[in-house]
Amino acid sequence: MNGADTAWIIVATALVLFMTLPGLALFYGGLVRARNVLSVFMHCFSIACLMSILWLVAGYSIAFGGGASGYWGGLDKMFLLGITPETLAGTLPEVLFFAFQMTFAIITPALIVGAYVERIGFGFVLTFSALWMLLVYAPVVHWIWGGGFLSDGGIFGEIGVRDFAGGIVVHETAGLAALVIAIFLGPRRNHTTPPHSPGFVMIGAAMLWVGWFGFNGGSQLAADGGAAMALTVTHISAATASLSWALWEKIKYGKASMVGLVTGTIAGLASITPASGFVGPVEALIIGFVAGILCQEAVNVVRNMLKIDDTLDVFAVHGVGGIFGTIMIAVFGQGAWAAQLGGLVIVGLFTIVATAILVKLVGLVTPLRVDAETETNGLDLSVHGERAYDMTS
């Protein structure tokens, strides 16, 4: 065990949890109407609790167990059986590696929340998120990070799919799942209402930015120069994408919005995630600059051309950003084109098909969408019996 590595990953684990609670919750909560903000908080908090338990029960074993098939890790590490404080994963206590990866298993289904807010059934959220994490997310983790068939030595040869911190594993899977659910749900009855609290959005984005240092820097799994570089390029990409998004808004609409500025931050963070262990600051500048414009245009395509109500633009920002960053690894010569594109296609098709099947199956057990009256009155009071504000906005 290396003490410095262990100390850093303890900090990184806390930072990644901080991304979901409260970062993502505030970011998403500020973007919805006031009558739905508590439901967003409820979704994020409940998912964090449920995914933690399921990661212990079986998720970690499916992702990082000793299965030899290349498709799943098996069940030998269920409930962390046989793992003690002295058991190592590289230079870390394995229980710490478990905890660090658990925070990824929390935020990935939580990202999907942004696609279905303001009209989703709470029972559906919990049931779908549980099954999706175990049957989609955890197997994909094994394929790429757990020694599976897409990793080094797999179907793409000695150098497999390169995804440093989750461009495919987290952002592509969450983005595509969000798009699928949004299509099944259909649009909100009133989707022209502006965000109720841009201040919440900015605070949440700032928390996500800070937490992302643990997300990307921690994925080095060591306290070394690689972690420092990953942290640095993460920051540069986020800063650049924020400004390029705002500039593109100014050019197109005559004004640069604060919500747009911080959405650009998230686009830059998502885009650098897969590449953060393979590129330097100059490459990060390029990735961030393109991401701010590319993801903004993706928002317009999904909303206005495809007419899909992905409420908080999960696919356009996270999905497109993660896919773009994954491709840029090959553009900069740090990965094989066949592996990067092949990994995106394989995981993308699997995610779309598996998510669609889960939506249909879970919909047989618990309603996918709330009724018209509940949606009109807001989920806070109708579903949870509480409201954050004494107003009807």
Protein backbone atom coordinates (compact mmCIF):
# COMPACT_ATOMS: atom_id res chain seq x y z
CA MET A 1 0.00 0.00 0.00
CA ASN A 2 1.17 3.50 -0.85
CA GLY A 3 0.15 6.06 1.77
CA ALA A 4 0.22 9.05 -0.56
CA ASP A 5 -1.88 7.30 -3.20
CA THR A 6 -4.34 6.19 -0.53
CA ALA A 7 -4.68 9.67 0.94
CA TRP A 8 -5.30 11.23 -2.47
CA ILE A 9 -7.96 8.70 -3.48
CA ILE A 10 -9.76 9.19 -0.16
CA VAL A 11 -9.98 12.89 -1.03
CA ALA A 12 -10.94 12.12 -4.65
CA THR A 13 -13.73 9.81 -3.47
CA ALA A 14 -15.22 12.62 -1.38
CA LEU A 15 -14.90 15.02 -4.32
CA VAL A 16 -16.76 12.71 -6.71
CA LEU A 17 -19.60 12.19 -4.22
CA PHE A 18 -19.68 15.98 -3.83
CA MET A 19 -20.38 16.18 -7.57
CA THR A 20 -23.74 14.45 -7.11
CA LEU A 21 -24.54 15.68 -3.61
CA PRO A 22 -25.01 18.60 -3.75
CA GLY A 23 -23.45 19.67 -7.08
CA LEU A 24 -25.59 17.88 -9.65
CA ALA A 25 -28.70 18.23 -7.49
CA LEU A 26 -28.33 22.03 -7.39
CA PHE A 27 -27.37 22.29 -11.06
CA TYR A 28 -30.43 20.31 -12.18
CA GLY A 29 -32.68 21.74 -9.45
CA GLY A 30 -32.07 25.30 -10.56
CA LEU A 31 -33.00 24.51 -14.15
CA VAL A 32 -36.54 23.27 -13.45
CA ARG A 33 -39.66 25.10 -12.32
CA ALA A 34 -39.91 25.97 -8.64
CA ARG A 35 -42.69 23.42 -8.11
CA ASN A 36 -40.35 20.58 -9.12
CA VAL A 37 -37.06 21.46 -7.43
CA LEU A 38 -37.55 19.14 -4.44
CA SER A 39 -38.35 16.23 -6.73
CA VAL A 40 -35.00 16.73 -8.45
CA PHE A 41 -33.25 16.78 -5.08
CA MET A 42 -35.20 13.66 -4.11
CA HIS A 43 -34.16 11.84 -7.28
CA CYS A 44 -30.46 12.64 -6.86
CA PHE A 45 -30.36 11.85 -3.14
CA SER A 46 -32.36 8.62 -3.42
CA ILE A 47 -30.28 7.40 -6.35
CA ALA A 48 -27.10 8.06 -4.34
CA CYS A 49 -28.42 5.95 -1.47
CA LEU A 50 -29.75 3.10 -3.60
CA MET A 51 -26.73 2.84 -5.91
CA SER A 52 -24.41 2.69 -2.88
CA ILE A 53 -26.21 -0.37 -1.53
CA LEU A 54 -26.47 -2.08 -4.91
CA TRP A 55 -22.79 -1.43 -5.67
CA LEU A 56 -21.96 -3.28 -2.45
CA VAL A 57 -24.41 -6.11 -3.12
CA ALA A 58 -23.43 -6.92 -6.69
CA GLY A 59 -22.42 -3.93 -8.84
CA TYR A 60 -18.77 -3.88 -7.83
CA SER A 61 -18.44 -7.60 -8.39
CA ILE A 62 -20.04 -7.41 -11.84
CA ALA A 63 -17.66 -4.60 -12.77
CA PHE A 64 -14.41 -5.71 -11.11
CA GLY A 65 -14.85 -9.33 -10.14
CA GLY A 66 -12.64 -12.14 -11.34
CA GLY A 67 -14.86 -13.44 -14.14
CA ALA A 68 -12.91 -14.68 -17.15
CA SER A 69 -15.59 -14.35 -19.85
CA GLY A 70 -14.68 -10.76 -20.72
CA TYR A 71 -18.33 -9.73 -20.46
CA TRP A 72 -18.93 -9.55 -16.73
CA GLY A 73 -16.92 -9.91 -13.58
CA GLY A 74 -19.06 -12.53 -11.90
CA LEU A 75 -20.34 -12.54 -8.32
CA ASP A 76 -17.24 -13.52 -6.36
CA LYS A 77 -16.97 -10.08 -4.73
CA MET A 78 -20.61 -9.66 -3.71
CA PHE A 79 -20.91 -7.77 -0.40
CA LEU A 80 -17.07 -7.41 -0.52
CA LEU A 81 -16.79 -10.97 0.73
CA GLY A 82 -13.17 -11.89 1.42
CA ILE A 83 -11.98 -8.28 1.15
CA THR A 84 -10.29 -6.93 4.27
CA PRO A 85 -8.57 -3.60 5.03
CA GLU A 86 -5.30 -5.29 4.05
CA THR A 87 -6.53 -6.47 0.62
CA LEU A 88 -4.92 -4.39 -2.11
CA ALA A 89 -5.98 -3.18 -5.54
CA GLY A 90 -2.72 -1.93 -6.98
CA THR A 91 -1.23 0.42 -4.38
CA LEU A 92 -4.61 1.09 -2.73
CA PRO A 93 -6.71 -0.77 -0.17
CA GLU A 94 -9.32 -2.51 -2.30
CA VAL A 95 -12.10 -1.23 -0.08
CA LEU A 96 -11.03 2.32 -1.04
CA PHE A 97 -11.00 1.42 -4.73
CA PHE A 98 -14.52 0.03 -4.18
CA ALA A 99 -15.62 3.31 -2.58
CA PHE A 100 -14.06 5.46 -5.32
CA GLN A 101 -15.76 3.46 -8.05
CA MET A 102 -19.01 3.54 -6.07
CA THR A 103 -19.17 7.31 -6.49
CA PHE A 104 -19.03 6.80 -10.27
CA ALA A 105 -21.86 4.28 -10.02
CA ILE A 106 -23.83 6.95 -8.16
CA ILE A 107 -23.35 9.86 -10.53
CA THR A 108 -23.88 7.97 -13.80
CA PRO A 109 -27.59 7.11 -13.27
CA ALA A 110 -27.99 10.46 -11.51
CA LEU A 111 -26.94 12.23 -14.71
CA ILE A 112 -29.92 10.63 -16.48
CA VAL A 113 -32.25 12.48 -14.08
CA GLY A 114 -31.88 15.59 -16.21
CA ALA A 115 -33.72 13.98 -19.13
CA TYR A 116 -36.94 13.15 -17.32
CA VAL A 117 -37.46 15.76 -14.60
CA GLU A 118 -40.90 17.35 -14.14
CA ARG A 119 -42.90 14.39 -15.52
CA ILE A 120 -41.46 11.08 -14.28
CA GLY A 121 -42.91 8.64 -11.76
CA PHE A 122 -40.77 8.32 -8.63
CA GLY A 123 -41.17 4.53 -8.46
CA PHE A 124 -39.96 4.31 -12.04
CA VAL A 125 -36.88 6.42 -11.21
CA LEU A 126 -35.73 4.08 -8.45
CA THR A 127 -36.59 0.80 -10.17
CA PHE A 128 -35.11 1.77 -13.52
CA SER A 129 -31.96 3.30 -11.99
CA ALA A 130 -31.32 0.15 -9.96
CA LEU A 131 -31.64 -2.22 -12.90
CA TRP A 132 -29.81 0.09 -15.29
CA MET A 133 -26.80 0.42 -13.01
CA LEU A 134 -26.53 -3.34 -12.52
CA LEU A 135 -27.33 -4.47 -16.06
CA VAL A 136 -25.91 -1.65 -18.23
CA TYR A 137 -23.41 0.45 -16.31
CA ALA A 138 -21.60 -2.27 -14.34
CA PRO A 139 -21.05 -4.57 -17.37
CA VAL A 140 -19.69 -1.66 -19.44
CA VAL A 141 -17.30 -0.82 -16.60
CA HIS A 142 -16.03 -4.39 -16.74
CA TRP A 143 -15.64 -4.30 -20.51
CA ILE A 144 -13.36 -1.25 -20.45
CA TRP A 145 -11.93 -0.82 -16.94
CA GLY A 146 -12.29 -4.30 -15.45
CA GLY A 147 -10.21 -6.30 -17.93
CA GLY A 148 -13.10 -7.13 -20.24
CA PHE A 149 -13.23 -7.65 -23.98
CA LEU A 150 -12.82 -3.95 -24.87
CA SER A 151 -9.78 -3.38 -22.67
CA ASP A 152 -6.10 -3.91 -23.52
CA GLY A 153 -5.57 -7.36 -24.98
CA GLY A 154 -9.23 -7.68 -25.97
CA ILE A 155 -10.87 -7.67 -29.36
CA PHE A 156 -8.97 -4.56 -30.50
CA GLY A 157 -5.54 -5.96 -29.75
CA GLU A 158 -2.82 -4.93 -27.36
CA ILE A 159 -4.16 -1.38 -26.93
CA GLY A 160 -7.88 -1.50 -26.32
CA VAL A 161 -10.41 1.25 -25.85
CA ARG A 162 -8.90 4.21 -24.03
CA ASP A 163 -11.27 5.94 -21.66
CA PHE A 164 -9.39 7.50 -18.80
CA ALA A 165 -12.24 8.63 -16.56
CA GLY A 166 -15.54 7.82 -18.23
CA GLY A 167 -16.24 9.37 -21.63
CA ILE A 168 -17.77 6.07 -22.74
CA VAL A 169 -18.37 4.38 -19.40
CA VAL A 170 -20.15 7.35 -17.81
CA HIS A 171 -21.07 10.05 -20.31
CA GLU A 172 -21.98 8.07 -23.42
CA THR A 173 -24.03 5.53 -21.47
CA ALA A 174 -25.86 8.17 -19.43
CA GLY A 175 -26.40 10.43 -22.44
CA LEU A 176 -27.86 7.72 -24.65
CA ALA A 177 -30.01 6.35 -21.85
CA ALA A 178 -31.33 9.87 -21.27
CA LEU A 179 -32.22 10.22 -24.93
CA VAL A 180 -34.05 6.88 -24.98
CA ILE A 181 -36.10 7.73 -21.88
CA ALA A 182 -36.95 11.20 -23.22
CA ILE A 183 -38.28 9.63 -26.42
CA PHE A 184 -40.45 7.15 -24.49
CA LEU A 185 -41.73 9.86 -22.14
CA GLY A 186 -42.64 12.43 -24.75
CA PRO A 187 -42.41 16.18 -24.17
CA ARG A 188 -43.51 18.03 -21.06
CA ARG A 189 -46.89 19.73 -21.24
CA ASN A 190 -45.21 23.08 -20.58
CA HIS A 191 -41.57 23.14 -21.65
CA THR A 192 -41.19 26.85 -22.26
CA THR A 193 -40.82 27.92 -18.62
CA PRO A 194 -37.32 29.33 -17.89
CA PRO A 195 -35.13 28.00 -15.05
CA HIS A 196 -36.50 29.06 -11.67
CA SER A 197 -33.07 29.71 -10.13
CA PRO A 198 -30.08 30.47 -12.36
CA GLY A 199 -28.17 31.05 -9.12
CA PHE A 200 -28.65 27.40 -8.13
CA VAL A 201 -27.45 26.42 -11.61
CA MET A 202 -24.23 28.42 -11.24
CA ILE A 203 -23.54 27.12 -7.71
CA GLY A 204 -24.17 23.53 -8.79
CA ALA A 205 -21.92 23.89 -11.84
CA ALA A 206 -19.16 25.35 -9.68
CA MET A 207 -19.42 22.39 -7.32
CA LEU A 208 -19.28 19.99 -10.26
CA TRP A 209 -16.17 21.75 -11.55
CA VAL A 210 -14.39 21.35 -8.21
CA GLY A 211 -15.57 17.76 -7.81
CA TRP A 212 -14.35 16.90 -11.30
CA PHE A 213 -10.78 17.24 -10.07
CA GLY A 214 -11.44 14.08 -8.07
CA PHE A 215 -13.28 12.47 -10.96
CA ASN A 216 -10.46 12.86 -13.47
CA GLY A 217 -7.43 13.38 -11.23
CA GLY A 218 -8.47 10.46 -9.04
CA SER A 219 -8.74 8.15 -12.03
CA GLN A 220 -4.96 8.06 -12.15
CA LEU A 221 -5.28 6.04 -8.90
CA ALA A 222 -2.02 7.54 -7.71
CA ALA A 223 -0.66 10.76 -6.24
CA ASP A 224 1.76 11.56 -9.04
CA GLY A 225 2.40 13.75 -12.06
CA GLY A 226 -0.24 11.95 -14.09
CA ALA A 227 -2.91 12.95 -11.58
CA ALA A 228 -1.63 16.52 -11.58
CA MET A 229 -1.76 16.70 -15.38
CA ALA A 230 -5.26 15.19 -15.48
CA LEU A 231 -6.43 17.81 -12.98
CA THR A 232 -4.79 20.62 -14.95
CA VAL A 233 -6.17 19.70 -18.36
CA THR A 234 -9.60 19.25 -16.78
CA HIS A 235 -9.52 22.82 -15.54
CA ILE A 236 -8.25 24.24 -18.84
CA SER A 237 -10.92 22.47 -20.88
CA ALA A 238 -13.70 23.61 -18.55
CA ALA A 239 -12.56 27.24 -18.63
CA THR A 240 -12.18 27.28 -22.40
CA ALA A 241 -15.52 25.62 -23.11
CA SER A 242 -17.30 28.07 -20.79
CA LEU A 243 -16.02 31.00 -22.83
CA SER A 244 -16.53 29.42 -26.26
CA TRP A 245 -20.15 28.55 -25.35
CA ALA A 246 -20.76 32.13 -24.19
CA LEU A 247 -19.07 33.58 -27.28
CA TRP A 248 -21.15 31.40 -29.60
CA GLU A 249 -24.31 32.49 -27.78
CA LYS A 250 -23.31 36.14 -28.18
CA ILE A 251 -22.67 35.67 -31.90
CA LYS A 252 -25.94 33.84 -32.49
CA TYR A 253 -28.36 35.59 -30.14
CA GLY A 254 -26.71 38.88 -29.22
CA LYS A 255 -26.40 37.99 -25.54
CA ALA A 256 -24.32 35.56 -23.51
CA SER A 257 -26.29 34.01 -20.63
CA MET A 258 -25.01 32.89 -17.28
CA VAL A 259 -26.82 29.56 -17.60
CA GLY A 260 -25.16 29.12 -20.99
CA LEU A 261 -21.74 29.98 -19.60
CA VAL A 262 -21.89 27.31 -16.90
CA THR A 263 -23.47 24.76 -19.22
CA GLY A 264 -20.38 25.27 -21.35
CA THR A 265 -18.34 24.44 -18.26
CA ILE A 266 -20.04 21.06 -18.00
CA ALA A 267 -19.58 20.45 -21.73
CA GLY A 268 -15.84 21.08 -21.37
CA LEU A 269 -15.60 18.83 -18.35
CA ALA A 270 -17.48 15.97 -20.02
CA SER A 271 -15.40 16.27 -23.18
CA ILE A 272 -12.01 16.20 -21.46
CA THR A 273 -12.95 13.30 -19.19
CA PRO A 274 -11.95 10.39 -21.45
CA ALA A 275 -8.82 12.16 -22.68
CA SER A 276 -7.63 13.70 -19.40
CA GLY A 277 -5.00 11.03 -18.83
CA PHE A 278 -3.63 11.17 -22.36
CA VAL A 279 -3.37 14.84 -23.41
CA GLY A 280 -1.64 18.04 -22.35
CA PRO A 281 -2.78 21.64 -21.84
CA VAL A 282 -2.70 22.64 -25.52
CA GLU A 283 -4.87 19.69 -26.50
CA ALA A 284 -7.19 20.57 -23.61
CA LEU A 285 -7.57 24.09 -25.01
CA ILE A 286 -8.62 22.65 -28.36
CA ILE A 287 -11.00 20.13 -26.83
CA GLY A 288 -12.61 22.74 -24.62
CA PHE A 289 -13.00 25.33 -27.37
CA VAL A 290 -14.68 22.90 -29.75
CA ALA A 291 -16.81 21.36 -26.99
CA GLY A 292 -18.45 24.66 -26.08
CA ILE A 293 -19.68 25.17 -29.63
CA LEU A 294 -20.31 21.52 -30.53
CA CYS A 295 -22.45 20.75 -27.49
CA GLN A 296 -24.43 23.99 -27.88
CA GLU A 297 -25.24 23.05 -31.46
CA ALA A 298 -26.16 19.54 -30.28
CA VAL A 299 -28.70 21.14 -27.92
CA ASN A 300 -30.29 22.89 -30.90
CA VAL A 301 -30.38 19.67 -32.93
CA VAL A 302 -32.04 17.62 -30.19
CA ARG A 303 -34.53 20.32 -29.17
CA ASN A 304 -35.42 21.99 -32.44
CA MET A 305 -34.66 19.51 -35.22
CA LEU A 306 -35.40 16.18 -33.56
CA LYS A 307 -38.09 17.69 -31.26
CA ILE A 308 -36.97 15.52 -28.33
CA ASP A 309 -37.60 16.97 -24.88
CA ASP A 310 -34.40 15.88 -23.15
CA THR A 311 -35.29 18.35 -20.43
CA LEU A 312 -31.86 19.46 -19.23
CA ASP A 313 -29.87 18.46 -22.35
CA VAL A 314 -28.19 15.39 -20.90
CA PHE A 315 -27.42 13.82 -24.26
CA ALA A 316 -26.31 17.04 -25.97
CA VAL A 317 -23.91 17.99 -23.17
CA HIS A 318 -22.80 14.73 -21.56
CA GLY A 319 -23.39 12.25 -24.36
CA VAL A 320 -22.01 14.34 -27.21
CA GLY A 321 -19.21 15.67 -24.99
CA GLY A 322 -18.12 12.20 -23.90
CA ILE A 323 -18.25 10.85 -27.46
CA PHE A 324 -16.31 13.83 -28.80
CA GLY A 325 -13.60 13.50 -26.14
CA THR A 326 -13.26 9.79 -26.82
CA ILE A 327 -12.69 10.43 -30.52
CA MET A 328 -10.16 13.17 -29.76
CA ILE A 329 -7.92 10.58 -28.07
CA ALA A 330 -7.43 9.03 -31.51
CA VAL A 331 -7.17 12.45 -33.22
CA PHE A 332 -4.22 13.31 -30.99
CA GLY A 333 -2.60 9.94 -31.61
CA GLN A 334 -3.07 8.59 -28.11
CA GLY A 335 -5.37 5.73 -29.06
CA ALA A 336 -6.26 3.50 -32.01
CA TRP A 337 -9.05 4.72 -34.26
CA ALA A 338 -10.58 1.25 -34.54
CA ALA A 339 -10.67 0.82 -30.78
CA GLN A 340 -12.06 4.28 -30.01
CA LEU A 341 -14.78 4.20 -32.67
CA GLY A 342 -15.50 0.51 -32.17
CA GLY A 343 -15.87 0.97 -28.43
CA LEU A 344 -18.27 3.86 -28.94
CA VAL A 345 -20.41 1.85 -31.35
CA ILE A 346 -20.51 -1.33 -29.28
CA VAL A 347 -21.30 0.41 -26.00
CA GLY A 348 -23.72 2.79 -27.73
CA LEU A 349 -25.78 0.05 -29.35
CA PHE A 350 -25.81 -2.01 -26.16
CA THR A 351 -26.91 0.98 -24.09
CA ILE A 352 -29.71 1.96 -26.46
CA VAL A 353 -31.15 -1.55 -26.76
CA ALA A 354 -30.78 -2.45 -23.07
CA THR A 355 -32.22 0.89 -21.92
CA ALA A 356 -35.24 0.57 -24.21
CA ILE A 357 -35.93 -2.95 -22.93
CA LEU A 358 -35.63 -1.81 -19.31
CA VAL A 359 -37.96 1.15 -19.88
CA LYS A 360 -40.62 -1.17 -21.28
CA LEU A 361 -40.20 -3.80 -18.58
CA VAL A 362 -40.16 -1.36 -15.65
CA GLY A 363 -43.14 0.42 -17.17
CA LEU A 364 -45.13 -2.78 -16.73
CA VAL A 365 -44.54 -2.63 -12.98
CA THR A 366 -44.67 1.09 -12.17
CA PRO A 367 -45.93 4.02 -14.27
CA LEU A 368 -43.35 5.75 -16.40
CA ARG A 369 -45.06 9.14 -16.37
CA VAL A 370 -47.21 10.95 -13.84
CA ASP A 371 -50.75 12.00 -14.78
CA ALA A 372 -51.58 15.38 -16.26
CA GLU A 373 -52.83 16.88 -12.99
CA THR A 374 -49.71 15.86 -11.08
CA GLU A 375 -47.47 17.28 -13.78
CA THR A 376 -49.40 20.56 -13.84
CA ASN A 377 -49.38 20.97 -10.06
CA GLY A 378 -45.72 19.98 -9.79
CA LEU A 379 -44.10 16.83 -8.43
CA ASP A 380 -42.96 18.40 -5.16
CA LEU A 381 -46.38 18.66 -3.57
CA SER A 382 -48.23 16.02 -5.57
CA VAL A 383 -45.70 13.19 -5.18
CA HIS A 384 -43.65 14.09 -2.10
CA GLY A 385 -46.06 16.22 -0.08
CA GLU A 386 -43.63 19.13 0.23
CA ARG A 387 -42.74 22.29 -1.58
CA ALA A 388 -39.68 24.50 -1.54
CA TYR A 389 -41.42 27.81 -2.20
CA ASP A 390 -44.73 29.46 -1.34
CA MET A 391 -45.46 30.18 -4.97
CA THR A 392 -47.03 28.55 -7.98
CA SER A 393 -44.37 29.47 -10.56
